[in-house]
Amino acid sequence: MVKTSKGVVAALVLGSLIAGLTGCRKEGPAERAGKEIDRSAEKVGKEIEKAGEKMKDVLSRIRR
């Protein structure tokens, strides 16, 4: 009887975890906003890198 109870409890816990994980697939507004912020930060980083390269070019021309 004890083994059956443990098996049932384990099955219920496992089922709850699976249901919880599959229920989180829908993306909410906070996740969408976070992704947009990430994309914007990446674009800004690339632009800063480009500006840095241009500064290097200008400085190398000035030093000549």
PDB file of N, CA and C in Angstrom:
ATOM      1  N   MET A   1       0.819  -1.193   0.000  1.00  0.00           N
ATOM      2  CA  MET A   1       0.000   0.000   0.000  1.00  0.00           C
ATOM      3  C   MET A   1       0.865   1.260   0.000  1.00  0.00           C
ATOM      4  N   VAL A   2       1.958   1.240   0.731  1.00  0.00           N
ATOM      5  CA  VAL A   2       2.830   2.402   0.809  1.00  0.00           C
ATOM      6  C   VAL A   2       3.486   2.660  -0.542  1.00  0.00           C
ATOM      7  N   LYS A   3       3.887   1.609  -1.255  1.00  0.00           N
ATOM      8  CA  LYS A   3       4.510   1.782  -2.569  1.00  0.00           C
ATOM      9  C   LYS A   3       3.522   2.412  -3.547  1.00  0.00           C
ATOM     10  N   THR A   4       2.288   2.004  -3.478  1.00  0.00           N
ATOM     11  CA  THR A   4       1.278   2.569  -4.364  1.00  0.00           C
ATOM     12  C   THR A   4       1.083   4.048  -4.074  1.00  0.00           C
ATOM     13  N   SER A   5       1.041   4.431  -2.830  1.00  0.00           N
ATOM     14  CA  SER A   5       0.865   5.831  -2.467  1.00  0.00           C
ATOM     15  C   SER A   5       2.043   6.671  -2.952  1.00  0.00           C
ATOM     16  N   LYS A   6       3.252   6.151  -2.796  1.00  0.00           N
ATOM     17  CA  LYS A   6       4.428   6.889  -3.260  1.00  0.00           C
ATOM     18  C   LYS A   6       4.405   7.033  -4.773  1.00  0.00           C
ATOM     19  N   GLY A   7       3.983   6.005  -5.469  1.00  0.00           N
ATOM     20  CA  GLY A   7       3.901   6.062  -6.929  1.00  0.00           C
ATOM     21  C   GLY A   7       2.885   7.081  -7.392  1.00  0.00           C
ATOM     22  N   VAL A   8       1.757   7.125  -6.714  1.00  0.00           N
ATOM     23  CA  VAL A   8       0.714   8.083  -7.072  1.00  0.00           C
ATOM     24  C   VAL A   8       1.194   9.506  -6.809  1.00  0.00           C
ATOM     25  N   VAL A   9       1.829   9.703  -5.684  1.00  0.00           N
ATOM     26  CA  VAL A   9       2.350  11.036  -5.352  1.00  0.00           C
ATOM     27  C   VAL A   9       3.406  11.451  -6.362  1.00  0.00           C
ATOM     28  N   ALA A  10       4.303  10.540  -6.712  1.00  0.00           N
ATOM     29  CA  ALA A  10       5.345  10.851  -7.697  1.00  0.00           C
ATOM     30  C   ALA A  10       4.724  11.201  -9.044  1.00  0.00           C
ATOM     31  N   ALA A  11       3.707  10.458  -9.459  1.00  0.00           N
ATOM     32  CA  ALA A  11       3.042  10.729 -10.731  1.00  0.00           C
ATOM     33  C   ALA A  11       2.354  12.095 -10.712  1.00  0.00           C
ATOM     34  N   LEU A  12       1.733  12.425  -9.595  1.00  0.00           N
ATOM     35  CA  LEU A  12       1.072  13.737  -9.486  1.00  0.00           C
ATOM     36  C   LEU A  12       2.074  14.877  -9.529  1.00  0.00           C
ATOM     37  N   VAL A  13       3.182  14.707  -8.835  1.00  0.00           N
ATOM     38  CA  VAL A  13       4.218  15.747  -8.838  1.00  0.00           C
ATOM     39  C   VAL A  13       4.799  15.908 -10.236  1.00  0.00           C
ATOM     40  N   LEU A  14       5.111  14.805 -10.876  1.00  0.00           N
ATOM     41  CA  LEU A  14       5.668  14.859 -12.228  1.00  0.00           C
ATOM     42  C   LEU A  14       4.671  15.491 -13.194  1.00  0.00           C
ATOM     43  N   GLY A  15       3.411  15.113 -13.080  1.00  0.00           N
ATOM     44  CA  GLY A  15       2.383  15.693 -13.941  1.00  0.00           C
ATOM     45  C   GLY A  15       2.243  17.187 -13.731  1.00  0.00           C
ATOM     46  N   SER A  16       2.323  17.624 -12.488  1.00  0.00           N
ATOM     47  CA  SER A  16       2.239  19.057 -12.189  1.00  0.00           C
ATOM     48  C   SER A  16       3.404  19.824 -12.783  1.00  0.00           C
ATOM     49  N   LEU A  17       4.591  19.244 -12.687  1.00  0.00           N
ATOM     50  CA  LEU A  17       5.770  19.908 -13.258  1.00  0.00           C
ATOM     51  C   LEU A  17       5.659  20.022 -14.770  1.00  0.00           C
ATOM     52  N   ILE A  18       5.235  18.951 -15.401  1.00  0.00           N
ATOM     53  CA  ILE A  18       5.100  18.972 -16.863  1.00  0.00           C
ATOM     54  C   ILE A  18       4.036  19.988 -17.280  1.00  0.00           C
ATOM     55  N   ALA A  19       2.923  20.005 -16.580  1.00  0.00           N
ATOM     56  CA  ALA A  19       1.861  20.967 -16.896  1.00  0.00           C
ATOM     57  C   ALA A  19       2.347  22.404 -16.696  1.00  0.00           C
ATOM     58  N   GLY A  20       3.120  22.622 -15.654  1.00  0.00           N
ATOM     59  CA  GLY A  20       3.649  23.956 -15.399  1.00  0.00           C
ATOM     60  C   GLY A  20       4.619  24.416 -16.460  1.00  0.00           C
ATOM     61  N   LEU A  21       5.465  23.502 -16.926  1.00  0.00           N
ATOM     62  CA  LEU A  21       6.445  23.867 -17.945  1.00  0.00           C
ATOM     63  C   LEU A  21       5.804  24.116 -19.297  1.00  0.00           C
ATOM     64  N   THR A  22       4.838  23.319 -19.651  1.00  0.00           N
ATOM     65  CA  THR A  22       4.191  23.517 -20.950  1.00  0.00           C
ATOM     66  C   THR A  22       3.279  24.738 -20.940  1.00  0.00           C
ATOM     67  N   GLY A  23       2.808  25.144 -19.787  1.00  0.00           N
ATOM     68  CA  GLY A  23       1.949  26.314 -19.694  1.00  0.00           C
ATOM     69  C   GLY A  23       2.704  27.619 -19.840  1.00  0.00           C
ATOM     70  N   CYS A  24       4.010  27.608 -19.780  1.00  0.00           N
ATOM     71  CA  CYS A  24       4.824  28.827 -19.826  1.00  0.00           C
ATOM     72  C   CYS A  24       5.304  29.153 -21.226  1.00  0.00           C
ATOM     73  N   ARG A  25       4.752  28.543 -22.223  1.00  0.00           N
ATOM     74  CA  ARG A  25       5.234  28.774 -23.583  1.00  0.00           C
ATOM     75  C   ARG A  25       4.771  30.106 -24.161  1.00  0.00           C
ATOM     76  N   LYS A  26       3.641  30.610 -23.714  1.00  0.00           N
ATOM     77  CA  LYS A  26       3.130  31.860 -24.254  1.00  0.00           C
ATOM     78  C   LYS A  26       3.964  33.020 -23.731  1.00  0.00           C
ATOM     79  N   GLU A  27       4.385  33.861 -24.642  1.00  0.00           N
ATOM     80  CA  GLU A  27       5.239  35.002 -24.292  1.00  0.00           C
ATOM     81  C   GLU A  27       4.377  36.188 -23.893  1.00  0.00           C
ATOM     82  N   GLY A  28       4.657  36.729 -22.741  1.00  0.00           N
ATOM     83  CA  GLY A  28       3.896  37.866 -22.251  1.00  0.00           C
ATOM     84  C   GLY A  28       4.520  39.185 -22.657  1.00  0.00           C
ATOM     85  N   PRO A  29       3.880  40.289 -22.294  1.00  0.00           N
ATOM     86  CA  PRO A  29       4.385  41.607 -22.682  1.00  0.00           C
ATOM     87  C   PRO A  29       5.747  41.921 -22.062  1.00  0.00           C
ATOM     88  N   ALA A  30       6.006  41.421 -20.865  1.00  0.00           N
ATOM     89  CA  ALA A  30       7.306  41.688 -20.234  1.00  0.00           C
ATOM     90  C   ALA A  30       8.432  40.997 -20.998  1.00  0.00           C
ATOM     91  N   GLU A  31       8.174  39.763 -21.445  1.00  0.00           N
ATOM     92  CA  GLU A  31       9.206  39.058 -22.212  1.00  0.00           C
ATOM     93  C   GLU A  31       9.450  39.736 -23.552  1.00  0.00           C
ATOM     94  N   ARG A  32       8.373  40.174 -24.196  1.00  0.00           N
ATOM     95  CA  ARG A  32       8.537  40.870 -25.477  1.00  0.00           C
ATOM     96  C   ARG A  32       9.312  42.166 -25.286  1.00  0.00           C
ATOM     97  N   ALA A  33       9.000  42.904 -24.237  1.00  0.00           N
ATOM     98  CA  ALA A  33       9.718  44.148 -23.965  1.00  0.00           C
ATOM     99  C   ALA A  33      11.185  43.863 -23.657  1.00  0.00           C
ATOM    100  N   GLY A  34      11.440  42.806 -22.904  1.00  0.00           N
ATOM    101  CA  GLY A  34      12.825  42.436 -22.597  1.00  0.00           C
ATOM    102  C   GLY A  34      13.613  42.087 -23.839  1.00  0.00           C
ATOM    103  N   LYS A  35      12.981  41.351 -24.748  1.00  0.00           N
ATOM    104  CA  LYS A  35      13.662  41.000 -26.001  1.00  0.00           C
ATOM    105  C   LYS A  35      13.937  42.241 -26.836  1.00  0.00           C
ATOM    106  N   GLU A  36      13.000  43.162 -26.849  1.00  0.00           N
ATOM    107  CA  GLU A  36      13.194  44.403 -27.609  1.00  0.00           C
ATOM    108  C   GLU A  36      14.335  45.223 -27.011  1.00  0.00           C
ATOM    109  N   ILE A  37      14.405  45.255 -25.694  1.00  0.00           N
ATOM    110  CA  ILE A  37      15.510  45.960 -25.028  1.00  0.00           C
ATOM    111  C   ILE A  37      16.837  45.308 -25.382  1.00  0.00           C
ATOM    112  N   ASP A  38      16.868  43.972 -25.386  1.00  0.00           N
ATOM    113  CA  ASP A  38      18.092  43.258 -25.751  1.00  0.00           C
ATOM    114  C   ASP A  38      18.522  43.595 -27.176  1.00  0.00           C
ATOM    115  N   ARG A  39      17.550  43.606 -28.102  1.00  0.00           N
ATOM    116  CA  ARG A  39      17.871  43.935 -29.500  1.00  0.00           C
ATOM    117  C   ARG A  39      18.407  45.361 -29.607  1.00  0.00           C
ATOM    118  N   SER A  40      17.769  46.288 -28.898  1.00  0.00           N
ATOM    119  CA  SER A  40      18.204  47.687 -28.941  1.00  0.00           C
ATOM    120  C   SER A  40      19.602  47.837 -28.369  1.00  0.00           C
ATOM    121  N   ALA A  41      19.870  47.162 -27.264  1.00  0.00           N
ATOM    122  CA  ALA A  41      21.198  47.243 -26.655  1.00  0.00           C
ATOM    123  C   ALA A  41      22.256  46.668 -27.593  1.00  0.00           C
ATOM    124  N   GLU A  42      21.908  45.611 -28.296  1.00  0.00           N
ATOM    125  CA  GLU A  42      22.856  45.023 -29.242  1.00  0.00           C
ATOM    126  C   GLU A  42      23.151  45.987 -30.391  1.00  0.00           C
ATOM    127  N   LYS A  43      22.097  46.649 -30.889  1.00  0.00           N
ATOM    128  CA  LYS A  43      22.290  47.632 -31.965  1.00  0.00           C
ATOM    129  C   LYS A  43      23.163  48.788 -31.496  1.00  0.00           C
ATOM    130  N   VAL A  44      22.915  49.265 -30.279  1.00  0.00           N
ATOM    131  CA  VAL A  44      23.710  50.364 -29.729  1.00  0.00           C
ATOM    132  C   VAL A  44      25.171  49.935 -29.600  1.00  0.00           C
ATOM    133  N   GLY A  45      25.382  48.713 -29.127  1.00  0.00           N
ATOM    134  CA  GLY A  45      26.748  48.205 -28.995  1.00  0.00           C
ATOM    135  C   GLY A  45      27.475  48.162 -30.329  1.00  0.00           C
ATOM    136  N   LYS A  46      26.772  47.742 -31.371  1.00  0.00           N
ATOM    137  CA  LYS A  46      27.384  47.689 -32.706  1.00  0.00           C
ATOM    138  C   LYS A  46      27.716  49.086 -33.201  1.00  0.00           C
ATOM    139  N   GLU A  47      26.832  50.032 -32.955  1.00  0.00           N
ATOM    140  CA  GLU A  47      27.084  51.405 -33.382  1.00  0.00           C
ATOM    141  C   GLU A  47      28.271  52.009 -32.626  1.00  0.00           C
ATOM    142  N   ILE A  48      28.388  51.685 -31.362  1.00  0.00           N
ATOM    143  CA  ILE A  48      29.529  52.172 -30.576  1.00  0.00           C
ATOM    144  C   ILE A  48      30.828  51.580 -31.115  1.00  0.00           C
ATOM    145  N   GLU A  49      30.790  50.294 -31.478  1.00  0.00           N
ATOM    146  CA  GLU A  49      31.979  49.677 -32.069  1.00  0.00           C
ATOM    147  C   GLU A  49      32.357  50.371 -33.374  1.00  0.00           C
ATOM    148  N   LYS A  50      31.355  50.681 -34.215  1.00  0.00           N
ATOM    149  CA  LYS A  50      31.624  51.376 -35.470  1.00  0.00           C
ATOM    150  C   LYS A  50      32.244  52.746 -35.200  1.00  0.00           C
ATOM    151  N   ALA A  51      31.702  53.453 -34.225  1.00  0.00           N
ATOM    152  CA  ALA A  51      32.229  54.770 -33.885  1.00  0.00           C
ATOM    153  C   ALA A  51      33.667  54.657 -33.392  1.00  0.00           C
ATOM    154  N   GLY A  52      33.940  53.642 -32.609  1.00  0.00           N
ATOM    155  CA  GLY A  52      35.306  53.423 -32.127  1.00  0.00           C
ATOM    156  C   GLY A  52      36.277  53.152 -33.261  1.00  0.00           C
ATOM    157  N   GLU A  53      35.850  52.374 -34.242  1.00  0.00           N
ATOM    158  CA  GLU A  53      36.702  52.102 -35.402  1.00  0.00           C
ATOM    159  C   GLU A  53      36.961  53.381 -36.195  1.00  0.00           C
ATOM    160  N   LYS A  54      35.927  54.192 -36.346  1.00  0.00           N
ATOM    161  CA  LYS A  54      36.102  55.460 -37.062  1.00  0.00           C
ATOM    162  C   LYS A  54      37.074  56.368 -36.312  1.00  0.00           C
ATOM    163  N   MET A  55      36.972  56.378 -34.984  1.00  0.00           N
ATOM    164  CA  MET A  55      37.895  57.193 -34.189  1.00  0.00           C
ATOM    165  C   MET A  55      39.327  56.705 -34.363  1.00  0.00           C
ATOM    166  N   LYS A  56      39.525  55.402 -34.398  1.00  0.00           N
ATOM    167  CA  LYS A  56      40.864  54.851 -34.615  1.00  0.00           C
ATOM    168  C   LYS A  56      41.407  55.308 -35.958  1.00  0.00           C
ATOM    169  N   ASP A  57      40.553  55.258 -36.994  1.00  0.00           N
ATOM    170  CA  ASP A  57      40.982  55.691 -38.326  1.00  0.00           C
ATOM    171  C   ASP A  57      41.370  57.160 -38.325  1.00  0.00           C
ATOM    172  N   VAL A  58      40.547  57.986 -37.691  1.00  0.00           N
ATOM    173  CA  VAL A  58      40.828  59.422 -37.651  1.00  0.00           C
ATOM    174  C   VAL A  58      42.128  59.679 -36.894  1.00  0.00           C
ATOM    175  N   LEU A  59      42.315  59.025 -35.758  1.00  0.00           N
ATOM    176  CA  LEU A  59      43.529  59.224 -34.970  1.00  0.00           C
ATOM    177  C   LEU A  59      44.783  58.751 -35.719  1.00  0.00           C
ATOM    178  N   SER A  60      44.648  57.663 -36.438  1.00  0.00           N
ATOM    179  CA  SER A  60      45.816  57.185 -37.206  1.00  0.00           C
ATOM    180  C   SER A  60      46.154  58.145 -38.338  1.00  0.00           C
ATOM    181  N   ARG A  61      45.158  58.788 -38.930  1.00  0.00           N
ATOM    182  CA  ARG A  61      45.414  59.770 -39.979  1.00  0.00           C
ATOM    183  C   ARG A  61      46.056  61.038 -39.406  1.00  0.00           C
ATOM    184  N   ILE A  62      45.620  61.417 -38.208  1.00  0.00           N
ATOM    185  CA  ILE A  62      46.168  62.626 -37.577  1.00  0.00           C
ATOM    186  C   ILE A  62      47.638  62.404 -37.210  1.00  0.00           C
ATOM    187  N   ARG A  63      47.965  61.229 -36.762  1.00  0.00           N
ATOM    188  CA  ARG A  63      49.343  60.921 -36.317  1.00  0.00           C
ATOM    189  C   ARG A  63      50.320  60.851 -37.480  1.00  0.00           C
ATOM    190  N   ARG A  64      49.855  60.678 -38.666  1.00  0.00           N
ATOM    191  CA  ARG A  64      50.761  60.559 -39.828  1.00  0.00           C
ATOM    192  C   ARG A  64      51.356  61.842 -40.198  1.00  0.00           C
TER     193      ARG A  64
END
